[in-house]
């Protein structure tokens, strides 16, 4: 297992790495919830339990919304980095 402690300690000079990791963690959790809920919806539908399948589909939609919200945070960090002026090197 990889320890992310070295990457999470921010000194203020670099982008907010801790927020990026928290957003990434949120993305992964939400995506896992969406997949699990979708699988359970299929199982419940195959068993003929329409009520349970409907609840699982709604849970999957909610998880995908959480994924989308967390991913916006990651995209915002990427946009901030791309807007920063690139340092040019002199070949002299």
PDB file of N, CA and C in Angstrom:
ATOM      1  N   UNK A   1       0.844  -1.172   0.000  1.00  0.00           N
ATOM      2  CA  UNK A   1       0.000   0.000   0.000  1.00  0.00           C
ATOM      3  C   UNK A   1       0.893   1.240   0.000  1.00  0.00           C
ATOM      4  N   UNK A   2       0.473   2.250  -0.709  1.00  0.00           N
ATOM      5  CA  UNK A   2       1.229   3.480  -0.826  1.00  0.00           C
ATOM      6  C   UNK A   2       0.728   4.483   0.205  1.00  0.00           C
ATOM      7  N   UNK A   3       1.635   5.132   0.893  1.00  0.00           N
ATOM      8  CA  UNK A   3       1.267   6.176   1.841  1.00  0.00           C
ATOM      9  C   UNK A   3       1.269   7.516   1.125  1.00  0.00           C
ATOM     10  N   UNK A   4       0.187   8.254   1.272  1.00  0.00           N
ATOM     11  CA  UNK A   4       0.058   9.552   0.612  1.00  0.00           C
ATOM     12  C   UNK A   4       0.401  10.713   1.536  1.00  0.00           C
ATOM     13  N   UNK A   5       0.901  10.414   2.720  1.00  0.00           N
ATOM     14  CA  UNK A   5       1.200  11.463   3.700  1.00  0.00           C
ATOM     15  C   UNK A   5       2.213  12.477   3.174  1.00  0.00           C
ATOM     16  N   UNK A   6       3.184  12.036   2.385  1.00  0.00           N
ATOM     17  CA  UNK A   6       4.189  12.956   1.853  1.00  0.00           C
ATOM     18  C   UNK A   6       3.582  13.963   0.886  1.00  0.00           C
ATOM     19  N   UNK A   7       2.488  13.590   0.256  1.00  0.00           N
ATOM     20  CA  UNK A   7       1.871  14.456  -0.739  1.00  0.00           C
ATOM     21  C   UNK A   7       0.826  15.387  -0.140  1.00  0.00           C
ATOM     22  N   UNK A   8       0.279  15.027   0.996  1.00  0.00           N
ATOM     23  CA  UNK A   8      -0.827  15.788   1.582  1.00  0.00           C
ATOM     24  C   UNK A   8      -0.333  16.999   2.364  1.00  0.00           C
ATOM     25  N   UNK A   9       0.869  16.970   2.902  1.00  0.00           N
ATOM     26  CA  UNK A   9       1.383  18.101   3.666  1.00  0.00           C
ATOM     27  C   UNK A   9       1.633  19.276   2.739  1.00  0.00           C
ATOM     28  N   UNK A  10       0.830  20.308   2.881  1.00  0.00           N
ATOM     29  CA  UNK A  10       0.975  21.497   2.035  1.00  0.00           C
ATOM     30  C   UNK A  10       1.821  22.533   2.754  1.00  0.00           C
ATOM     31  N   UNK A  11       2.673  23.215   2.010  1.00  0.00           N
ATOM     32  CA  UNK A  11       3.461  24.296   2.597  1.00  0.00           C
ATOM     33  C   UNK A  11       2.964  25.661   2.134  1.00  0.00           C
ATOM     34  N   UNK A  12       1.904  25.684   1.335  1.00  0.00           N
ATOM     35  CA  UNK A  12       1.316  26.944   0.909  1.00  0.00           C
ATOM     36  C   UNK A  12       1.822  27.437  -0.430  1.00  0.00           C
ATOM     37  N   UNK A  13       2.961  26.936  -0.899  1.00  0.00           N
ATOM     38  CA  UNK A  13       3.514  27.387  -2.171  1.00  0.00           C
ATOM     39  C   UNK A  13       2.910  26.650  -3.361  1.00  0.00           C
ATOM     40  N   UNK A  14       2.469  25.433  -3.143  1.00  0.00           N
ATOM     41  CA  UNK A  14       1.957  24.610  -4.222  1.00  0.00           C
ATOM     42  C   UNK A  14       0.433  24.603  -4.200  1.00  0.00           C
ATOM     43  N   UNK A  15      -0.190  24.101  -5.264  1.00  0.00           N
ATOM     44  CA  UNK A  15      -1.657  23.993  -5.266  1.00  0.00           C
ATOM     45  C   UNK A  15      -2.131  23.139  -4.095  1.00  0.00           C
ATOM     46  N   UNK A  16      -3.390  23.251  -3.791  1.00  0.00           N
ATOM     47  CA  UNK A  16      -3.961  22.569  -2.634  1.00  0.00           C
ATOM     48  C   UNK A  16      -4.059  21.068  -2.893  1.00  0.00           C
ATOM     49  N   UNK A  17      -2.971  20.372  -2.618  1.00  0.00           N
ATOM     50  CA  UNK A  17      -2.894  18.943  -2.878  1.00  0.00           C
ATOM     51  C   UNK A  17      -3.839  18.165  -1.981  1.00  0.00           C
ATOM     52  N   UNK A  18      -3.991  18.584  -0.738  1.00  0.00           N
ATOM     53  CA  UNK A  18      -4.883  17.877   0.184  1.00  0.00           C
ATOM     54  C   UNK A  18      -6.321  17.920  -0.324  1.00  0.00           C
ATOM     55  N   UNK A  19      -6.743  19.059  -0.853  1.00  0.00           N
ATOM     56  CA  UNK A  19      -8.105  19.170  -1.394  1.00  0.00           C
ATOM     57  C   UNK A  19      -8.266  18.279  -2.620  1.00  0.00           C
ATOM     58  N   UNK A  20      -7.216  18.183  -3.429  1.00  0.00           N
ATOM     59  CA  UNK A  20      -7.268  17.311  -4.603  1.00  0.00           C
ATOM     60  C   UNK A  20      -7.415  15.850  -4.189  1.00  0.00           C
ATOM     61  N   UNK A  21      -6.666  15.434  -3.178  1.00  0.00           N
ATOM     62  CA  UNK A  21      -6.776  14.054  -2.713  1.00  0.00           C
ATOM     63  C   UNK A  21      -8.141  13.790  -2.097  1.00  0.00           C
ATOM     64  N   UNK A  22      -8.676  14.756  -1.360  1.00  0.00           N
ATOM     65  CA  UNK A  22     -10.009  14.589  -0.778  1.00  0.00           C
ATOM     66  C   UNK A  22     -11.056  14.477  -1.882  1.00  0.00           C
ATOM     67  N   UNK A  23     -10.918  15.296  -2.917  1.00  0.00           N
ATOM     68  CA  UNK A  23     -11.850  15.233  -4.044  1.00  0.00           C
ATOM     69  C   UNK A  23     -11.719  13.912  -4.787  1.00  0.00           C
ATOM     70  N   UNK A  24     -10.486  13.451  -4.966  1.00  0.00           N
ATOM     71  CA  UNK A  24     -10.264  12.174  -5.631  1.00  0.00           C
ATOM     72  C   UNK A  24     -10.864  11.024  -4.822  1.00  0.00           C
ATOM     73  N   UNK A  25     -10.688  11.087  -3.523  1.00  0.00           N
ATOM     74  CA  UNK A  25     -11.268  10.072  -2.647  1.00  0.00           C
ATOM     75  C   UNK A  25     -12.793  10.096  -2.762  1.00  0.00           C
ATOM     76  N   UNK A  26     -13.378  11.281  -2.789  1.00  0.00           N
ATOM     77  CA  UNK A  26     -14.823  11.411  -2.946  1.00  0.00           C
ATOM     78  C   UNK A  26     -15.296  10.866  -4.281  1.00  0.00           C
ATOM     79  N   UNK A  27     -14.526  11.138  -5.341  1.00  0.00           N
ATOM     80  CA  UNK A  27     -14.862  10.619  -6.672  1.00  0.00           C
ATOM     81  C   UNK A  27     -14.879   9.096  -6.678  1.00  0.00           C
ATOM     82  N   UNK A  28     -13.848   8.514  -6.108  1.00  0.00           N
ATOM     83  CA  UNK A  28     -13.739   7.061  -6.126  1.00  0.00           C
ATOM     84  C   UNK A  28     -14.823   6.396  -5.293  1.00  0.00           C
ATOM     85  N   UNK A  29     -15.126   6.976  -4.134  1.00  0.00           N
ATOM     86  CA  UNK A  29     -16.193   6.428  -3.296  1.00  0.00           C
ATOM     87  C   UNK A  29     -17.538   6.521  -3.999  1.00  0.00           C
ATOM     88  N   UNK A  30     -17.827   7.673  -4.597  1.00  0.00           N
ATOM     89  CA  UNK A  30     -19.103   7.862  -5.280  1.00  0.00           C
ATOM     90  C   UNK A  30     -19.223   6.928  -6.474  1.00  0.00           C
ATOM     91  N   UNK A  31     -18.138   6.752  -7.207  1.00  0.00           N
ATOM     92  CA  UNK A  31     -18.164   5.864  -8.365  1.00  0.00           C
ATOM     93  C   UNK A  31     -18.380   4.416  -7.927  1.00  0.00           C
ATOM     94  N   UNK A  32     -17.732   4.012  -6.858  1.00  0.00           N
ATOM     95  CA  UNK A  32     -17.929   2.656  -6.334  1.00  0.00           C
ATOM     96  C   UNK A  32     -19.374   2.463  -5.861  1.00  0.00           C
ATOM     97  N   UNK A  33     -19.940   3.473  -5.202  1.00  0.00           N
ATOM     98  CA  UNK A  33     -21.337   3.399  -4.769  1.00  0.00           C
ATOM     99  C   UNK A  33     -22.278   3.294  -5.956  1.00  0.00           C
ATOM    100  N   UNK A  34     -22.002   4.060  -7.010  1.00  0.00           N
ATOM    101  CA  UNK A  34     -22.854   4.023  -8.198  1.00  0.00           C
ATOM    102  C   UNK A  34     -22.819   2.644  -8.855  1.00  0.00           C
ATOM    103  N   UNK A  35     -21.631   2.065  -8.953  1.00  0.00           N
ATOM    104  CA  UNK A  35     -21.505   0.736  -9.570  1.00  0.00           C
ATOM    105  C   UNK A  35     -22.215  -0.317  -8.724  1.00  0.00           C
ATOM    106  N   UNK A  36     -22.006  -0.267  -7.414  1.00  0.00           N
ATOM    107  CA  UNK A  36     -22.648  -1.244  -6.529  1.00  0.00           C
ATOM    108  C   UNK A  36     -24.166  -1.106  -6.570  1.00  0.00           C
ATOM    109  N   UNK A  37     -24.658   0.126  -6.540  1.00  0.00           N
ATOM    110  CA  UNK A  37     -26.101   0.334  -6.572  1.00  0.00           C
ATOM    111  C   UNK A  37     -26.704  -0.131  -7.893  1.00  0.00           C
ATOM    112  N   UNK A  38     -26.006   0.107  -8.980  1.00  0.00           N
ATOM    113  CA  UNK A  38     -26.494  -0.335 -10.286  1.00  0.00           C
ATOM    114  C   UNK A  38     -26.539  -1.862 -10.349  1.00  0.00           C
ATOM    115  N   UNK A  39     -25.501  -2.506  -9.846  1.00  0.00           N
ATOM    116  CA  UNK A  39     -25.483  -3.977  -9.832  1.00  0.00           C
ATOM    117  C   UNK A  39     -26.623  -4.528  -8.986  1.00  0.00           C
ATOM    118  N   UNK A  40     -26.856  -3.921  -7.833  1.00  0.00           N
ATOM    119  CA  UNK A  40     -27.951  -4.377  -6.978  1.00  0.00           C
ATOM    120  C   UNK A  40     -29.308  -4.113  -7.626  1.00  0.00           C
ATOM    121  N   UNK A  41     -29.431  -3.026  -8.372  1.00  0.00           N
ATOM    122  CA  UNK A  41     -30.679  -2.739  -9.075  1.00  0.00           C
ATOM    123  C   UNK A  41     -30.968  -3.828 -10.109  1.00  0.00           C
ATOM    124  N   UNK A  42     -29.932  -4.264 -10.804  1.00  0.00           N
ATOM    125  CA  UNK A  42     -30.101  -5.328 -11.795  1.00  0.00           C
ATOM    126  C   UNK A  42     -30.516  -6.623 -11.117  1.00  0.00           C
ATOM    127  N   UNK A  43     -29.871  -6.926 -10.009  1.00  0.00           N
ATOM    128  CA  UNK A  43     -30.213  -8.158  -9.274  1.00  0.00           C
ATOM    129  C   UNK A  43     -31.646  -8.089  -8.774  1.00  0.00           C
ATOM    130  N   UNK A  44     -32.027  -6.957  -8.163  1.00  0.00           N
ATOM    131  CA  UNK A  44     -33.395  -6.812  -7.665  1.00  0.00           C
ATOM    132  C   UNK A  44     -34.410  -6.870  -8.800  1.00  0.00           C
ATOM    133  N   UNK A  45     -34.070  -6.269  -9.937  1.00  0.00           N
ATOM    134  CA  UNK A  45     -34.974  -6.325 -11.083  1.00  0.00           C
ATOM    135  C   UNK A  45     -35.141  -7.752 -11.592  1.00  0.00           C
ATOM    136  N   UNK A  46     -34.052  -8.521 -11.610  1.00  0.00           N
ATOM    137  CA  UNK A  46     -34.113  -9.912 -12.065  1.00  0.00           C
ATOM    138  C   UNK A  46     -34.932 -10.768 -11.109  1.00  0.00           C
ATOM    139  N   UNK A  47     -34.940 -10.394  -9.848  1.00  0.00           N
ATOM    140  CA  UNK A  47     -35.721 -11.135  -8.855  1.00  0.00           C
ATOM    141  C   UNK A  47     -37.178 -10.691  -8.844  1.00  0.00           C
ATOM    142  N   UNK A  48     -37.509  -9.649  -9.605  1.00  0.00           N
ATOM    143  CA  UNK A  48     -38.892  -9.181  -9.679  1.00  0.00           C
ATOM    144  C   UNK A  48     -39.261  -8.182  -8.600  1.00  0.00           C
ATOM    145  N   UNK A  49     -38.291  -7.713  -7.830  1.00  0.00           N
ATOM    146  CA  UNK A  49     -38.556  -6.730  -6.773  1.00  0.00           C
ATOM    147  C   UNK A  49     -38.385  -5.331  -7.348  1.00  0.00           C
ATOM    148  N   UNK A  50     -39.455  -4.811  -7.934  1.00  0.00           N
ATOM    149  CA  UNK A  50     -39.400  -3.531  -8.626  1.00  0.00           C
ATOM    150  C   UNK A  50     -39.134  -2.379  -7.646  1.00  0.00           C
ATOM    151  N   UNK A  51     -39.699  -2.443  -6.474  1.00  0.00           N
ATOM    152  CA  UNK A  51     -39.497  -1.382  -5.479  1.00  0.00           C
ATOM    153  C   UNK A  51     -38.042  -1.252  -5.061  1.00  0.00           C
ATOM    154  N   UNK A  52     -37.411  -2.387  -4.787  1.00  0.00           N
ATOM    155  CA  UNK A  52     -35.993  -2.369  -4.388  1.00  0.00           C
ATOM    156  C   UNK A  52     -35.114  -1.931  -5.556  1.00  0.00           C
ATOM    157  N   UNK A  53     -35.459  -2.365  -6.769  1.00  0.00           N
ATOM    158  CA  UNK A  53     -34.680  -1.962  -7.940  1.00  0.00           C
ATOM    159  C   UNK A  53     -34.775  -0.453  -8.145  1.00  0.00           C
ATOM    160  N   UNK A  54     -35.953   0.100  -7.951  1.00  0.00           N
ATOM    161  CA  UNK A  54     -36.144   1.549  -8.094  1.00  0.00           C
ATOM    162  C   UNK A  54     -35.305   2.311  -7.076  1.00  0.00           C
ATOM    163  N   UNK A  55     -35.289   1.833  -5.846  1.00  0.00           N
ATOM    164  CA  UNK A  55     -34.481   2.485  -4.806  1.00  0.00           C
ATOM    165  C   UNK A  55     -32.995   2.423  -5.155  1.00  0.00           C
ATOM    166  N   UNK A  56     -32.551   1.310  -5.692  1.00  0.00           N
ATOM    167  CA  UNK A  56     -31.133   1.173  -6.048  1.00  0.00           C
ATOM    168  C   UNK A  56     -30.761   2.070  -7.224  1.00  0.00           C
ATOM    169  N   UNK A  57     -31.678   2.228  -8.168  1.00  0.00           N
ATOM    170  CA  UNK A  57     -31.420   3.124  -9.295  1.00  0.00           C
ATOM    171  C   UNK A  57     -31.317   4.559  -8.784  1.00  0.00           C
ATOM    172  N   UNK A  58     -32.210   4.941  -7.878  1.00  0.00           N
ATOM    173  CA  UNK A  58     -32.154   6.286  -7.296  1.00  0.00           C
ATOM    174  C   UNK A  58     -30.863   6.495  -6.523  1.00  0.00           C
ATOM    175  N   UNK A  59     -30.410   5.472  -5.799  1.00  0.00           N
ATOM    176  CA  UNK A  59     -29.136   5.571  -5.077  1.00  0.00           C
ATOM    177  C   UNK A  59     -27.970   5.705  -6.056  1.00  0.00           C
ATOM    178  N   UNK A  60     -28.051   5.001  -7.170  1.00  0.00           N
ATOM    179  CA  UNK A  60     -27.005   5.093  -8.179  1.00  0.00           C
ATOM    180  C   UNK A  60     -26.956   6.494  -8.783  1.00  0.00           C
ATOM    181  N   UNK A  61     -28.100   7.062  -9.065  1.00  0.00           N
ATOM    182  CA  UNK A  61     -28.161   8.423  -9.608  1.00  0.00           C
ATOM    183  C   UNK A  61     -27.585   9.418  -8.607  1.00  0.00           C
ATOM    184  N   UNK A  62     -27.921   9.261  -7.335  1.00  0.00           N
ATOM    185  CA  UNK A  62     -27.368  10.132  -6.296  1.00  0.00           C
ATOM    186  C   UNK A  62     -25.852  10.017  -6.201  1.00  0.00           C
ATOM    187  N   UNK A  63     -25.346   8.795  -6.330  1.00  0.00           N
ATOM    188  CA  UNK A  63     -23.891   8.590  -6.271  1.00  0.00           C
ATOM    189  C   UNK A  63     -23.211   9.216  -7.480  1.00  0.00           C
ATOM    190  N   UNK A  64     -23.839   9.125  -8.644  1.00  0.00           N
ATOM    191  CA  UNK A  64     -23.257   9.751  -9.835  1.00  0.00           C
ATOM    192  C   UNK A  64     -23.260  11.269  -9.719  1.00  0.00           C
ATOM    193  N   UNK A  65     -24.258  11.828  -9.072  1.00  0.00           N
ATOM    194  CA  UNK A  65     -24.271  13.278  -8.834  1.00  0.00           C
ATOM    195  C   UNK A  65     -23.127  13.661  -7.894  1.00  0.00           C
ATOM    196  N   UNK A  66     -22.893  12.844  -6.847  1.00  0.00           N
ATOM    197  CA  UNK A  66     -21.774  13.112  -5.940  1.00  0.00           C
ATOM    198  C   UNK A  66     -20.450  13.014  -6.685  1.00  0.00           C
ATOM    199  N   UNK A  67     -20.332  12.038  -7.579  1.00  0.00           N
ATOM    200  CA  UNK A  67     -19.128  11.890  -8.384  1.00  0.00           C
ATOM    201  C   UNK A  67     -18.911  13.137  -9.228  1.00  0.00           C
ATOM    202  N   UNK A  68     -19.957  13.607  -9.872  1.00  0.00           N
ATOM    203  CA  UNK A  68     -19.861  14.782 -10.731  1.00  0.00           C
ATOM    204  C   UNK A  68     -19.427  16.015  -9.929  1.00  0.00           C
ATOM    205  N   UNK A  69     -19.994  16.190  -8.740  1.00  0.00           N
ATOM    206  CA  UNK A  69     -19.629  17.340  -7.892  1.00  0.00           C
ATOM    207  C   UNK A  69     -18.172  17.263  -7.446  1.00  0.00           C
ATOM    208  N   UNK A  70     -17.729  16.078  -7.062  1.00  0.00           N
ATOM    209  CA  UNK A  70     -16.336  15.923  -6.626  1.00  0.00           C
ATOM    210  C   UNK A  70     -15.380  16.089  -7.800  1.00  0.00           C
ATOM    211  N   UNK A  71     -15.788  15.649  -8.984  1.00  0.00           N
ATOM    212  CA  UNK A  71     -14.929  15.769 -10.153  1.00  0.00           C
ATOM    213  C   UNK A  71     -14.770  17.225 -10.575  1.00  0.00           C
ATOM    214  N   UNK A  72     -15.787  18.042 -10.317  1.00  0.00           N
ATOM    215  CA  UNK A  72     -15.686  19.475 -10.621  1.00  0.00           C
ATOM    216  C   UNK A  72     -14.521  20.107  -9.860  1.00  0.00           C
ATOM    217  N   UNK A  73     -14.303  19.665  -8.639  1.00  0.00           N
ATOM    218  CA  UNK A  73     -13.197  20.189  -7.828  1.00  0.00           C
ATOM    219  C   UNK A  73     -11.866  19.836  -8.477  1.00  0.00           C
ATOM    220  N   UNK A  74     -11.752  18.598  -8.964  1.00  0.00           N
ATOM    221  CA  UNK A  74     -10.515  18.189  -9.628  1.00  0.00           C
ATOM    222  C   UNK A  74     -10.309  18.966 -10.921  1.00  0.00           C
ATOM    223  N   UNK A  75     -11.371  19.171 -11.684  1.00  0.00           N
ATOM    224  CA  UNK A  75     -11.255  19.933 -12.927  1.00  0.00           C
ATOM    225  C   UNK A  75     -10.904  21.383 -12.660  1.00  0.00           C
ATOM    226  N   UNK A  76     -11.428  21.954 -11.579  1.00  0.00           N
ATOM    227  CA  UNK A  76     -11.114  23.342 -11.239  1.00  0.00           C
ATOM    228  C   UNK A  76      -9.625  23.486 -10.953  1.00  0.00           C
ATOM    229  N   UNK A  77      -9.034  22.509 -10.301  1.00  0.00           N
ATOM    230  CA  UNK A  77      -7.597  22.543 -10.039  1.00  0.00           C
ATOM    231  C   UNK A  77      -6.795  22.461 -11.315  1.00  0.00           C
ATOM    232  N   UNK A  78      -7.262  21.692 -12.275  1.00  0.00           N
ATOM    233  CA  UNK A  78      -6.581  21.564 -13.560  1.00  0.00           C
ATOM    234  C   UNK A  78      -6.669  22.858 -14.349  1.00  0.00           C
ATOM    235  N   UNK A  79      -7.826  23.517 -14.315  1.00  0.00           N
ATOM    236  CA  UNK A  79      -7.996  24.779 -15.030  1.00  0.00           C
ATOM    237  C   UNK A  79      -7.098  25.851 -14.439  1.00  0.00           C
ATOM    238  N   UNK A  80      -6.959  25.885 -13.113  1.00  0.00           N
ATOM    239  CA  UNK A  80      -6.102  26.874 -12.463  1.00  0.00           C
ATOM    240  C   UNK A  80      -4.654  26.689 -12.904  1.00  0.00           C
ATOM    241  N   UNK A  81      -4.206  25.441 -13.022  1.00  0.00           N
ATOM    242  CA  UNK A  81      -2.824  25.178 -13.419  1.00  0.00           C
ATOM    243  C   UNK A  81      -2.587  25.563 -14.876  1.00  0.00           C
ATOM    244  N   UNK A  82      -3.588  25.338 -15.729  1.00  0.00           N
ATOM    245  CA  UNK A  82      -3.396  25.650 -17.144  1.00  0.00           C
ATOM    246  C   UNK A  82      -3.457  27.147 -17.408  1.00  0.00           C
ATOM    247  N   UNK A  83      -4.121  27.918 -16.539  1.00  0.00           N
ATOM    248  CA  UNK A  83      -4.204  29.362 -16.701  1.00  0.00           C
ATOM    249  C   UNK A  83      -2.938  30.066 -16.227  1.00  0.00           C
ATOM    250  N   UNK A  84      -2.136  29.390 -15.401  1.00  0.00           N
ATOM    251  CA  UNK A  84      -0.912  30.005 -14.894  1.00  0.00           C
ATOM    252  C   UNK A  84       0.058  30.204 -16.053  1.00  0.00           C
ATOM    253  N   UNK A  85       0.719  31.356 -16.116  1.00  0.00           N
ATOM    254  CA  UNK A  85       1.645  31.584 -17.234  1.00  0.00           C
ATOM    255  C   UNK A  85       2.837  30.640 -17.140  1.00  0.00           C
ATOM    256  N   UNK A  86       3.192  30.089 -18.265  1.00  0.00           N
ATOM    257  CA  UNK A  86       4.321  29.155 -18.307  1.00  0.00           C
ATOM    258  C   UNK A  86       5.614  29.962 -18.322  1.00  0.00           C
ATOM    259  N   UNK A  87       6.594  29.468 -17.590  1.00  0.00           N
ATOM    260  CA  UNK A  87       7.888  30.138 -17.555  1.00  0.00           C
ATOM    261  C   UNK A  87       8.660  29.769 -18.809  1.00  0.00           C
ATOM    262  N   UNK A  88       9.186  30.773 -19.487  1.00  0.00           N
ATOM    263  CA  UNK A  88       9.952  30.528 -20.701  1.00  0.00           C
ATOM    264  C   UNK A  88      11.439  30.456 -20.352  1.00  0.00           C
ATOM    265  N   UNK A  89      12.105  29.515 -21.006  1.00  0.00           N
ATOM    266  CA  UNK A  89      13.530  29.358 -20.777  1.00  0.00           C
ATOM    267  C   UNK A  89      14.295  30.020 -21.904  1.00  0.00           C
ATOM    268  N   UNK A  90      15.357  30.728 -21.565  1.00  0.00           N
ATOM    269  CA  UNK A  90      16.209  31.346 -22.576  1.00  0.00           C
ATOM    270  C   UNK A  90      17.251  30.330 -23.029  1.00  0.00           C
ATOM    271  N   UNK A  91      17.465  30.277 -24.338  1.00  0.00           N
ATOM    272  CA  UNK A  91      18.456  29.357 -24.881  1.00  0.00           C
ATOM    273  C   UNK A  91      19.801  30.033 -25.074  1.00  0.00           C
ATOM    274  N   UNK A  92      19.985  31.212 -24.490  1.00  0.00           N
ATOM    275  CA  UNK A  92      21.214  31.992 -24.699  1.00  0.00           C
ATOM    276  C   UNK A  92      22.356  31.482 -23.904  1.00  0.00           C
TER     277      UNK A  92
END
